[in-house]
Protein backbone atom coordinates (compact mmCIF):
# COMPACT_ATOMS: atom_id res chain seq x y z
CA MET A 1 138.93 105.57 107.00
CA ALA A 2 141.67 107.81 108.42
CA ARG A 3 142.11 111.34 107.07
CA GLY A 4 145.23 113.45 106.61
CA GLY A 5 147.68 110.49 106.65
CA ILE A 6 146.62 109.27 110.13
CA ASN A 7 146.99 105.53 110.63
CA LYS A 8 147.09 103.08 113.46
CA ALA A 9 150.88 103.18 113.79
CA VAL A 10 150.91 106.96 114.22
CA VAL A 11 148.13 106.75 116.82
CA GLN A 12 150.00 103.98 118.65
CA THR A 13 153.22 106.04 118.69
CA ALA A 14 151.37 109.03 120.17
CA ARG A 15 149.63 106.77 122.71
CA LEU A 16 152.90 105.23 123.86
CA ALA A 17 154.48 108.70 124.20
CA ILE A 18 151.62 109.82 126.42
CA LEU A 19 151.80 106.65 128.52
CA ALA A 20 155.55 107.16 128.87
CA ARG A 21 154.88 110.54 130.45
CA GLY A 22 152.51 108.86 132.91
CA GLU A 23 149.41 110.52 131.39
CA HIS A 24 146.10 109.07 130.26
CA PRO A 25 145.96 108.59 126.45
CA SER A 26 142.60 110.28 125.75
CA ILE A 27 141.40 111.16 122.25
CA ASP A 28 142.16 114.88 122.70
CA ALA A 29 145.59 114.13 124.18
CA VAL A 30 146.48 111.77 121.31
CA ARG A 31 145.23 114.31 118.74
CA ILE A 32 147.30 117.09 120.35
CA GLU A 33 150.32 114.76 120.43
CA MET A 34 149.89 114.23 116.67
CA GLY A 35 149.77 117.99 116.00
CA ASN A 36 145.97 118.48 116.07
CA THR A 37 145.45 116.28 113.01
CA GLY A 38 143.11 113.41 112.37
CA SER A 39 139.46 112.73 113.04
CA LYS A 40 138.38 112.07 116.61
CA THR A 41 136.26 109.16 115.42
CA THR A 42 139.23 107.54 113.67
CA ILE A 43 141.48 108.17 116.66
CA HIS A 44 138.86 106.62 118.94
CA ARG A 45 138.60 103.54 116.69
CA TYR A 46 142.37 103.06 116.64
CA LEU A 47 142.61 103.56 120.43
CA LYS A 48 139.88 100.97 120.92
CA GLU A 49 141.71 98.49 118.67
CA LEU A 50 144.95 99.16 120.55
CA ASP A 51 143.20 98.75 123.92
CA ASP A 52 141.61 95.49 122.78
CA GLY A 53 144.91 94.17 121.38
CA VAL A 54 147.04 94.78 124.55
CA GLU A 55 148.20 91.50 126.08
CA PRO A 56 147.20 91.20 129.74
CA VAL A 57 150.67 90.39 130.96
CA ALA A 58 150.25 91.70 134.48
CA THR A 59 146.49 91.48 134.61
CA SER A 60 146.43 88.35 136.67
CA SER A 61 148.69 89.93 139.25
CA GLU A 62 146.74 93.26 139.44
CA PRO A 63 143.88 93.65 141.92
CA ILE A 64 140.34 93.55 140.59
CA ASP A 65 139.78 97.12 141.81
CA ASP A 66 142.53 98.48 139.54
CA GLU A 67 141.10 96.60 136.58
CA LEU A 68 137.61 97.96 137.31
CA THR A 69 139.06 101.44 137.76
CA GLY A 70 140.76 101.29 134.37
CA LEU A 71 137.62 99.91 132.76
CA VAL A 72 135.46 102.64 134.31
CA SER A 73 137.98 105.30 133.26
CA ARG A 74 137.93 104.10 129.68
CA LEU A 75 134.14 103.93 129.70
CA ALA A 76 133.95 107.44 131.13
CA GLN A 77 136.40 108.68 128.50
CA ARG A 78 134.37 107.05 125.73
CA LEU A 79 131.14 108.52 127.12
CA LYS A 80 132.78 111.93 127.24
CA GLU A 81 134.06 111.58 123.69
CA GLN A 82 130.71 110.34 122.40
CA ALA A 83 128.95 113.20 124.17
CA GLN A 84 131.49 115.73 122.82
CA GLU A 85 130.99 114.70 119.18
CA PRO A 86 127.23 115.70 118.93
CA ILE A 87 128.09 118.85 120.88
CA ASP A 88 130.71 119.76 118.30
CA GLN A 89 128.31 118.95 115.50
CA ALA A 90 125.57 121.05 117.13
CA ARG A 91 128.00 123.92 117.62
CA ALA A 92 129.17 123.72 114.01
CA GLN A 93 125.59 123.59 112.80
CA PHE A 94 124.67 126.53 115.00
CA GLU A 95 127.68 128.54 113.80
CA GLN A 96 126.72 127.84 110.19
CA GLN A 97 123.10 128.86 110.83
CA ARG A 98 124.27 131.96 112.65
CA LYS A 99 126.56 132.94 109.75
CA ASP A 100 123.74 132.33 107.26
CA LEU A 101 121.35 134.45 109.31
CA GLU A 102 123.97 137.19 109.65
CA ILE A 103 124.45 137.17 105.87
CA GLN A 104 120.67 137.33 105.36
CA LEU A 105 120.42 140.14 107.90
CA ALA A 106 123.24 142.06 106.17
CA ASP A 107 121.53 141.59 102.79
CA ALA A 108 118.22 142.77 104.24
CA GLN A 109 119.89 145.80 105.83
CA GLU A 110 121.65 146.62 102.56
CA ALA A 111 118.36 146.32 100.65
CA ASN A 112 116.68 148.49 103.27
CA SER A 113 119.43 151.10 102.88
CA GLU A 114 119.00 151.07 99.10
CA LEU A 115 115.23 151.47 99.48
CA GLN A 116 115.79 154.31 101.94
CA GLN A 117 118.08 156.04 99.42
CA GLN A 118 115.50 155.52 96.67
CA TYR A 119 112.84 156.93 98.98
CA GLU A 120 114.96 160.01 99.70
CA LEU A 121 115.72 160.51 95.99
CA GLN A 122 112.06 160.17 95.06
CA THR A 123 111.08 162.54 97.87
CA LEU A 124 113.64 165.08 96.57
CA ALA A 125 112.34 164.65 93.00
CA LEU A 126 108.76 165.10 94.21
CA THR A 127 109.78 168.28 96.08
CA GLN A 128 111.47 169.66 92.95
CA GLU A 129 108.44 168.83 90.82
CA SER A 130 106.21 170.55 93.39
CA ASP A 131 108.43 173.66 93.26
CA THR A 132 108.29 173.61 89.45
CA LEU A 133 104.50 173.28 89.60
CA GLN A 134 104.27 176.21 92.00
CA ASN A 135 106.45 178.34 89.72
CA THR A 136 104.35 177.36 86.72
CA LEU A 137 101.15 178.20 88.58
CA SER A 138 102.65 181.58 89.53
CA MET A 139 103.55 182.22 85.88
CA LEU A 140 100.04 181.18 84.85
CA GLN A 141 98.51 183.54 87.40
CA THR A 142 100.75 186.36 86.12
CA GLU A 143 99.72 185.65 82.53
CA GLN A 144 96.07 185.56 83.53
CA THR A 145 96.46 188.92 85.29
CA ARG A 146 98.20 190.35 82.20
CA ASN A 147 95.48 188.87 80.01
CA ALA A 148 92.81 190.51 82.16
CA GLY A 149 94.64 193.84 81.79
CA LEU A 150 94.81 193.41 78.00
CA ASN A 151 91.11 192.55 77.89
CA GLN A 152 90.35 195.69 79.91
CA ALA A 153 92.55 197.78 77.58
CA LEU A 154 90.81 196.25 74.58
CA ALA A 155 87.43 197.11 76.08
CA ASP A 156 88.62 200.70 76.63
CA PHE A 157 89.83 200.92 73.03
CA GLU A 158 86.50 199.61 71.81
CA LEU A 159 84.72 202.27 73.85
CA ARG A 160 87.00 204.93 72.39
CA LEU A 161 86.38 203.55 68.93
CA GLN A 162 82.65 203.74 69.50
CA ASP A 163 83.07 207.35 70.62
CA LYS A 164 85.08 208.08 67.47
CA ASP A 165 82.38 206.47 65.34
CA GLU A 166 79.75 208.60 67.06
CA GLN A 167 81.81 211.71 66.39
CA ILE A 168 82.25 210.73 62.74
CA ARG A 169 78.51 210.13 62.35
CA SER A 170 77.79 213.45 64.02
CA LEU A 171 80.20 215.26 61.68
CA GLU A 172 78.73 213.50 58.67
CA GLU A 173 75.23 214.58 59.77
CA LYS A 174 76.46 218.16 60.19
CA HIS A 175 78.06 217.99 56.76
CA LEU A 176 74.80 216.77 55.21
CA HIS A 177 72.81 219.48 57.00
CA ALA A 178 75.27 222.12 55.79
CA ARG A 179 75.08 220.81 52.23
CA ASP A 180 71.28 220.78 52.36
CA ALA A 181 71.26 224.26 53.79
CA LEU A 182 73.62 225.47 51.07
CA GLU A 183 71.54 223.85 48.38
CA HIS A 184 68.40 225.28 49.87
CA TYR A 185 70.06 228.65 50.07
CA ARG A 186 71.18 228.48 46.45
CA ASN A 187 67.71 227.56 45.34
CA ALA A 188 66.24 230.33 47.42
CA VAL A 189 68.72 232.82 46.05
CA LYS A 190 68.04 231.67 42.51
CA GLU A 191 64.30 231.92 43.01
CA GLN A 192 64.62 235.24 44.73
CA ARG A 193 66.87 236.55 41.97
CA GLU A 194 64.46 235.45 39.30
CA GLN A 195 61.60 237.09 41.18
CA GLU A 196 63.57 240.27 41.61
CA GLN A 197 64.50 240.30 37.94
CA ARG A 198 60.81 239.94 37.03
CA ARG A 199 59.59 242.50 39.52
CA HIS A 200 61.75 245.41 38.92
CA GLU A 201 65.03 246.13 37.29
CA GLY A 202 65.49 249.00 39.68
CA GLN A 203 66.09 246.65 42.49
CA VAL A 204 69.11 245.15 40.78
CA GLN A 205 71.49 247.09 42.99
CA GLN A 206 69.75 245.93 46.14
CA ILE A 207 69.66 242.36 44.87
CA GLN A 208 73.32 242.53 44.01
CA MET A 209 74.02 243.74 47.57
CA GLU A 210 72.00 240.93 48.96
CA LEU A 211 73.78 238.60 46.59
CA ARG A 212 77.14 239.74 47.92
CA GLN A 213 75.90 239.11 51.44
CA ALA A 214 74.67 235.74 50.36
CA GLN A 215 78.01 235.03 48.72
CA GLN A 216 79.79 236.02 51.91
CA SER A 217 77.50 233.74 53.86
CA ALA A 218 78.16 231.01 51.31
CA LEU A 219 81.90 231.55 51.73
CA VAL A 220 81.45 231.24 55.47
CA ARG A 221 79.41 228.12 54.92
CA GLN A 222 82.05 226.84 52.50
CA ASP A 223 84.75 227.44 55.09
CA GLU A 224 82.65 225.57 57.60
CA ILE A 225 82.21 222.71 55.11
CA THR A 226 85.97 222.74 54.40
CA GLN A 227 86.66 222.60 58.13
CA LEU A 228 84.16 219.78 58.44
CA HIS A 229 85.97 217.89 55.68
CA ARG A 230 89.29 218.40 57.48
CA ASP A 231 87.79 217.23 60.77
CA ASN A 232 86.36 214.24 58.96
CA GLU A 233 89.74 213.35 57.42
CA ARG A 234 91.44 213.78 60.80
CA LEU A 235 88.88 211.53 62.46
CA LEU A 236 89.30 208.97 59.69
CA THR A 237 93.08 209.02 60.23
CA GLU A 238 92.61 208.61 63.98
CA ASN A 239 90.12 205.82 63.29
CA ARG A 240 92.66 203.99 61.10
CA GLY A 241 95.32 204.37 63.86
CA THR A 242 92.83 203.09 66.40
CA LEU A 243 92.05 200.11 64.16
CA ARG A 244 95.78 199.34 63.86
CA GLU A 245 96.14 199.50 67.66
CA LEU A 246 93.08 197.28 67.99
CA SER A 247 94.63 194.75 65.55
CA LEU A 248 97.88 194.75 67.55
CA LEU A 249 95.96 194.24 70.78
CA GLN A 250 94.00 191.38 69.26
CA GLU A 251 97.27 189.77 68.09
CA GLN A 252 98.77 190.15 71.58
CA LEU A 253 95.60 188.69 73.06
CA LYS A 254 95.84 185.73 70.68
CA GLN A 255 99.50 185.16 71.68
CA THR A 256 98.50 185.40 75.34
CA HIS A 257 95.82 182.75 74.83
CA THR A 258 98.35 180.52 73.07
CA ARG A 259 100.84 180.98 75.91
CA GLN A 260 98.11 180.28 78.44
CA ASP A 261 97.20 177.02 76.66
CA GLN A 262 100.88 175.98 76.69
CA LEU A 263 101.15 176.72 80.41
CA LEU A 264 97.98 174.74 81.12
CA GLU A 265 99.37 171.81 79.13
CA GLN A 266 102.65 172.04 81.08
CA VAL A 267 100.73 172.12 84.37
CA ASN A 268 98.77 169.01 83.36
CA ARG A 269 101.98 167.21 82.38
CA ILE A 270 103.69 168.12 85.66
CA ASP A 271 100.61 167.02 87.58
CA SER A 272 100.69 163.64 85.79
CA GLU A 273 104.41 163.22 86.58
CA ARG A 274 103.78 164.10 90.22
CA THR A 275 100.98 161.50 90.39
CA LEU A 276 103.37 158.89 88.92
CA LEU A 277 106.09 159.79 91.44
CA GLN A 278 103.61 159.56 94.30
CA GLU A 279 102.59 156.08 93.10
CA ARG A 280 106.25 155.00 92.91
CA LEU A 281 106.88 156.45 96.36
CA ARG A 282 103.90 154.53 97.76
CA ALA A 283 105.20 151.27 96.22
CA ALA A 284 108.68 151.94 97.66
CA LEU A 285 107.19 152.59 101.11
CA LEU A 286 105.23 149.33 100.93
CA GLU A 287 108.37 147.43 99.89
CA SER A 288 110.35 149.10 102.69
CA GLN A 289 107.70 148.12 105.23
CA SER A 290 107.79 144.53 103.89
CA LEU A 291 111.57 144.43 104.26
CA LYS A 292 111.36 145.84 107.77
CA GLN A 293 108.85 143.13 108.62
CA ASN A 294 111.20 140.50 107.18
CA VAL A 295 114.06 141.91 109.25
CA GLU A 296 111.90 141.76 112.37
CA GLU A 297 110.96 138.15 111.55
CA GLN A 298 114.66 137.29 111.07
CA SER A 299 115.42 138.97 114.40
CA GLN A 300 112.76 136.85 116.08
CA ILE A 301 114.21 133.74 114.41
CA ASN A 302 117.69 134.74 115.66
CA LYS A 303 116.33 135.18 119.17
CA ALA A 304 114.66 131.77 118.96
CA LEU A 305 117.93 130.23 117.75
CA GLU A 306 119.84 131.94 120.56
CA ILE A 307 117.35 130.55 123.08
CA GLU A 308 117.72 127.10 121.48
CA LEU A 309 121.51 127.48 121.61
CA LEU A 310 121.34 128.39 125.28
CA LYS A 311 119.21 125.32 125.90
CA THR A 312 121.66 123.18 123.90
CA GLN A 313 124.62 124.61 125.80
CA ALA A 314 122.83 123.94 129.07
CA SER A 315 122.15 120.38 127.96
CA LEU A 316 125.78 120.01 126.89
CA ASP A 317 126.97 121.42 130.19
CA GLU A 318 124.76 118.91 131.95
CA SER A 319 126.16 116.10 129.79
CA VAL A 320 129.71 117.26 130.52
CA ARG A 321 128.91 117.43 134.21
CA LEU A 322 127.51 113.89 134.14
CA ALA A 323 130.55 112.70 132.20
CA ALA A 324 132.80 114.37 134.76
CA VAL A 325 130.87 112.66 137.56
CA VAL A 326 131.24 109.35 135.78
CA ALA A 327 134.93 110.06 135.20
CA THR A 328 135.56 110.90 138.85
CA ALA A 329 133.64 107.87 140.05
CA PRO A 330 136.62 105.49 139.49
CA ASP A 331 138.91 107.84 141.38
CA ALA A 332 136.44 107.88 144.26
CA ALA A 333 136.15 104.10 144.13
CA LYS A 334 139.91 103.78 144.04
CA ALA A 335 140.24 106.08 147.02
CA ASP A 336 137.73 103.92 148.92
């Protein structure tokens, strides 16, 4: 069935116009005469019907060679047209396959570009996480160093506290010795006074003198005891200050331990995130390699199609050459 409004009358008009110019009414010539419209198969069918329906008015008067030449020319033209149609179909099919492969290649390249961008972004994120981990490790090392310093300071304070305790114990022992000595002295003085009172009243003056000396010694001892009490109170005050400093240091040490635990937890979290990013990066690399392999396979398929196209074109060229030989055969016969 004719397409685009082409019918037998239009084909006949174009054929007669070509014959009027003294040219051969081939399928391509008729199609060009009609403005490049119509199917070649339909045009060929109409031309065949027109050729079959021509009345052989002058056939009986024409030589047999001219009739054979015309017949061979028409056969050659039909062979050429029949050979051209599968060539056109093969070319159209090849062009469609080539366009499809180009679209697939463009899609693969676009996907590869997206994967490459994802790879670069993940690499950048991994680098940033590594920097953060390094900074956190540096902070942890600094806190550990500070913690070691606080532990050393705490040990020093404990040693000082032990020294203070030793001093307090020593002062308390001195205080006890002084009290015992004073008590012993009072007892001795009392005993001596009673003995002196019993022995002789005449020695009262001497005893009183000795008593004054003893009282002076007692005053000296009392001053010493008073000084010992003051030293004791001072040491107790220093001990309370040292205990307050020790409490503050223990609180700081506790805060340092808490901060250290938080930093360790942060390090573990960052390490887990880095492991996850490395796993994603590995999956992206595997997918990128798979896409590259697909692109290489498509390239090989394209090369195979190009080789097949070259073979098809060579076969078509050979068919065209044979058709041309067949077409020139009537001219050669006519010349003979």
